[in-house]
Amino acid sequence: MNDDFLLVNKSILPDVLPKVIEARDKINRDDLSITEACKAVGISRSVYYKYKDVVFLPEKAEVKRAILSLKVDDKEGVLNSILKVLTKYKANVLTIFQDTPVRGLAYITIKLDIKRMTAPINKLTELLKTTASIRKAELISYE
């Protein structure tokens, strides 16, 4: 059982949480800026940023893909370490984009097929954050 999530009726939640979901949908669907989407649904940008990665509607369709953004040290073997973690939890890599390192840091974007993953995507992201030479790991999107 996954102890990180609760299924609750939205009637007991603060009004801003469904608005965060609505703002995120406007950003993705209507191509609005974060400021425009927040203004349209009546929340502050700080509320949006506080909850954007932790509030979701239950999915009717199976989640199949995720996009991760990583900020890593420019060291030999870092990408290999990332791939080992992804392989361990059965995340299938669809694409990898790595920018040219600048001042000892590289930025990597990875698109994953997560249908068969053995851990929730947020656990994978947290594990990557604790991996040596990874400065930042965040979930950008999922579908």
Protein backbone atom coordinates (compact mmCIF):
# COMPACT_ATOMS: atom_id res chain seq x y z
CA MET A 1 0.00 0.00 0.00
CA ASN A 2 1.25 3.47 -0.84
CA ASP A 3 1.18 5.67 2.28
CA ASP A 4 2.01 8.87 0.37
CA PHE A 5 -1.47 9.43 -1.04
CA LEU A 6 -4.98 9.88 0.32
CA LEU A 7 -8.25 9.77 -1.54
CA VAL A 8 -10.45 12.50 -0.11
CA ASN A 9 -13.58 14.33 -1.15
CA LYS A 10 -12.68 17.78 -2.48
CA SER A 11 -15.42 19.32 -0.33
CA ILE A 12 -13.10 19.11 2.70
CA LEU A 13 -10.09 20.62 0.91
CA PRO A 14 -9.18 24.30 0.66
CA ASP A 15 -10.75 25.95 -2.40
CA VAL A 16 -7.35 26.72 -3.91
CA LEU A 17 -6.41 23.08 -4.60
CA PRO A 18 -8.90 22.47 -7.44
CA LYS A 19 -7.94 25.90 -8.79
CA VAL A 20 -4.29 24.81 -8.95
CA ILE A 21 -5.35 21.86 -11.11
CA GLU A 22 -7.45 24.17 -13.27
CA ALA A 23 -4.53 26.59 -13.68
CA ARG A 24 -2.15 23.77 -14.63
CA ASP A 25 -4.68 22.58 -17.22
CA LYS A 26 -4.98 26.11 -18.66
CA ILE A 27 -1.19 26.35 -18.93
CA ASN A 28 -0.94 23.00 -20.74
CA ARG A 29 -4.13 23.12 -22.82
CA ASP A 30 -4.59 26.82 -23.58
CA ASP A 31 -0.89 27.74 -23.69
CA LEU A 32 -1.30 30.47 -21.06
CA SER A 33 1.57 31.77 -18.99
CA ILE A 34 1.58 30.88 -15.29
CA THR A 35 0.64 34.45 -14.40
CA GLU A 36 -2.27 34.46 -16.87
CA ALA A 37 -3.58 31.07 -15.71
CA CYS A 38 -3.37 32.02 -12.02
CA LYS A 39 -5.18 35.28 -12.68
CA ALA A 40 -7.87 33.45 -14.69
CA VAL A 41 -8.67 31.01 -11.85
CA GLY A 42 -8.17 33.47 -9.00
CA ILE A 43 -5.07 32.17 -7.19
CA SER A 44 -1.64 33.63 -6.53
CA ARG A 45 1.48 32.39 -8.27
CA SER A 46 2.90 31.33 -4.88
CA VAL A 47 -0.13 29.08 -4.26
CA TYR A 48 0.31 27.59 -7.74
CA TYR A 49 4.00 26.86 -7.19
CA LYS A 50 3.37 25.45 -3.71
CA TYR A 51 0.86 22.83 -4.89
CA LYS A 52 1.44 22.31 -8.64
CA ASP A 53 3.47 19.09 -8.23
CA VAL A 54 1.36 17.48 -5.51
CA VAL A 55 -2.31 17.99 -6.45
CA PHE A 56 -3.85 15.81 -9.17
CA LEU A 57 -7.20 14.50 -10.25
CA PRO A 58 -7.62 10.73 -10.37
CA GLU A 59 -6.82 9.52 -13.86
CA LYS A 60 -9.34 7.52 -15.81
CA ALA A 61 -6.72 6.50 -18.32
CA GLU A 62 -3.48 4.88 -17.30
CA VAL A 63 -0.56 7.28 -16.90
CA LYS A 64 1.91 6.29 -19.56
CA ARG A 65 4.60 8.95 -19.90
CA ALA A 66 6.50 11.39 -17.75
CA ILE A 67 9.08 14.09 -18.41
CA LEU A 68 11.84 14.73 -15.88
CA SER A 69 14.21 17.68 -15.72
CA LEU A 70 17.59 17.20 -14.08
CA LYS A 71 20.40 19.59 -13.17
CA VAL A 72 23.62 17.60 -12.74
CA ASP A 73 27.32 18.06 -12.21
CA ASP A 74 29.35 17.71 -15.40
CA LYS A 75 31.13 14.53 -14.34
CA GLU A 76 31.84 11.26 -16.05
CA GLY A 77 29.26 8.58 -15.27
CA VAL A 78 26.40 10.81 -14.05
CA LEU A 79 24.10 9.86 -16.92
CA ASN A 80 24.94 6.20 -16.29
CA SER A 81 23.92 6.61 -12.63
CA ILE A 82 20.60 8.12 -13.71
CA LEU A 83 19.95 5.29 -16.16
CA LYS A 84 20.70 2.69 -13.48
CA VAL A 85 18.04 4.20 -11.21
CA LEU A 86 15.52 4.34 -14.06
CA THR A 87 16.27 0.73 -15.02
CA LYS A 88 15.98 -0.48 -11.43
CA TYR A 89 12.38 0.79 -11.26
CA LYS A 90 11.52 -0.31 -14.81
CA ALA A 91 11.11 3.15 -16.30
CA ASN A 92 11.61 2.91 -20.04
CA VAL A 93 13.57 5.82 -21.55
CA LEU A 94 11.94 7.28 -24.66
CA THR A 95 14.21 10.29 -25.21
CA ILE A 96 17.14 12.00 -23.52
CA PHE A 97 18.23 15.56 -24.22
CA GLN A 98 21.35 16.92 -22.58
CA ASP A 99 22.44 20.53 -23.05
CA THR A 100 26.10 21.40 -23.40
CA PRO A 101 27.57 21.73 -19.89
CA VAL A 102 28.21 25.28 -18.69
CA ARG A 103 30.32 26.13 -15.63
CA GLY A 104 30.42 22.50 -14.52
CA LEU A 105 26.64 21.92 -14.72
CA ALA A 106 24.54 20.12 -17.31
CA TYR A 107 20.78 20.11 -17.80
CA ILE A 108 19.09 16.88 -18.86
CA THR A 109 15.49 16.31 -19.95
CA ILE A 110 14.29 12.70 -20.01
CA LYS A 111 10.97 11.46 -21.39
CA LEU A 112 9.91 8.13 -19.89
CA ASP A 113 7.37 5.41 -20.51
CA ILE A 114 6.19 4.68 -16.95
CA LYS A 115 3.46 2.08 -17.58
CA ARG A 116 5.47 -0.71 -15.97
CA MET A 117 7.27 1.25 -13.28
CA THR A 118 7.55 -0.49 -9.92
CA ALA A 119 7.51 2.76 -7.88
CA PRO A 120 5.44 5.95 -8.08
CA ILE A 121 6.98 8.69 -10.23
CA ASN A 122 7.34 11.01 -7.22
CA LYS A 123 9.40 8.34 -5.39
CA LEU A 124 11.63 8.01 -8.45
CA THR A 125 12.13 11.77 -8.55
CA GLU A 126 13.00 11.86 -4.84
CA LEU A 127 15.47 8.99 -5.30
CA LEU A 128 17.15 10.79 -8.19
CA LYS A 129 17.53 13.90 -6.00
CA THR A 130 19.62 11.83 -3.56
CA THR A 131 21.83 10.33 -6.28
CA ALA A 132 25.43 11.59 -6.32
CA SER A 133 26.10 14.56 -8.62
CA ILE A 134 22.40 15.31 -9.20
CA ARG A 135 21.68 18.82 -7.96
CA LYS A 136 18.00 19.00 -8.91
CA ALA A 137 15.38 16.55 -10.21
CA GLU A 138 11.78 17.47 -10.88
CA LEU A 139 8.73 16.11 -12.65
CA ILE A 140 7.87 18.49 -15.47
CA SER A 141 4.84 16.69 -16.89
CA TYR A 142 3.03 13.40 -17.08
CA GLU A 143 0.32 12.03 -19.33
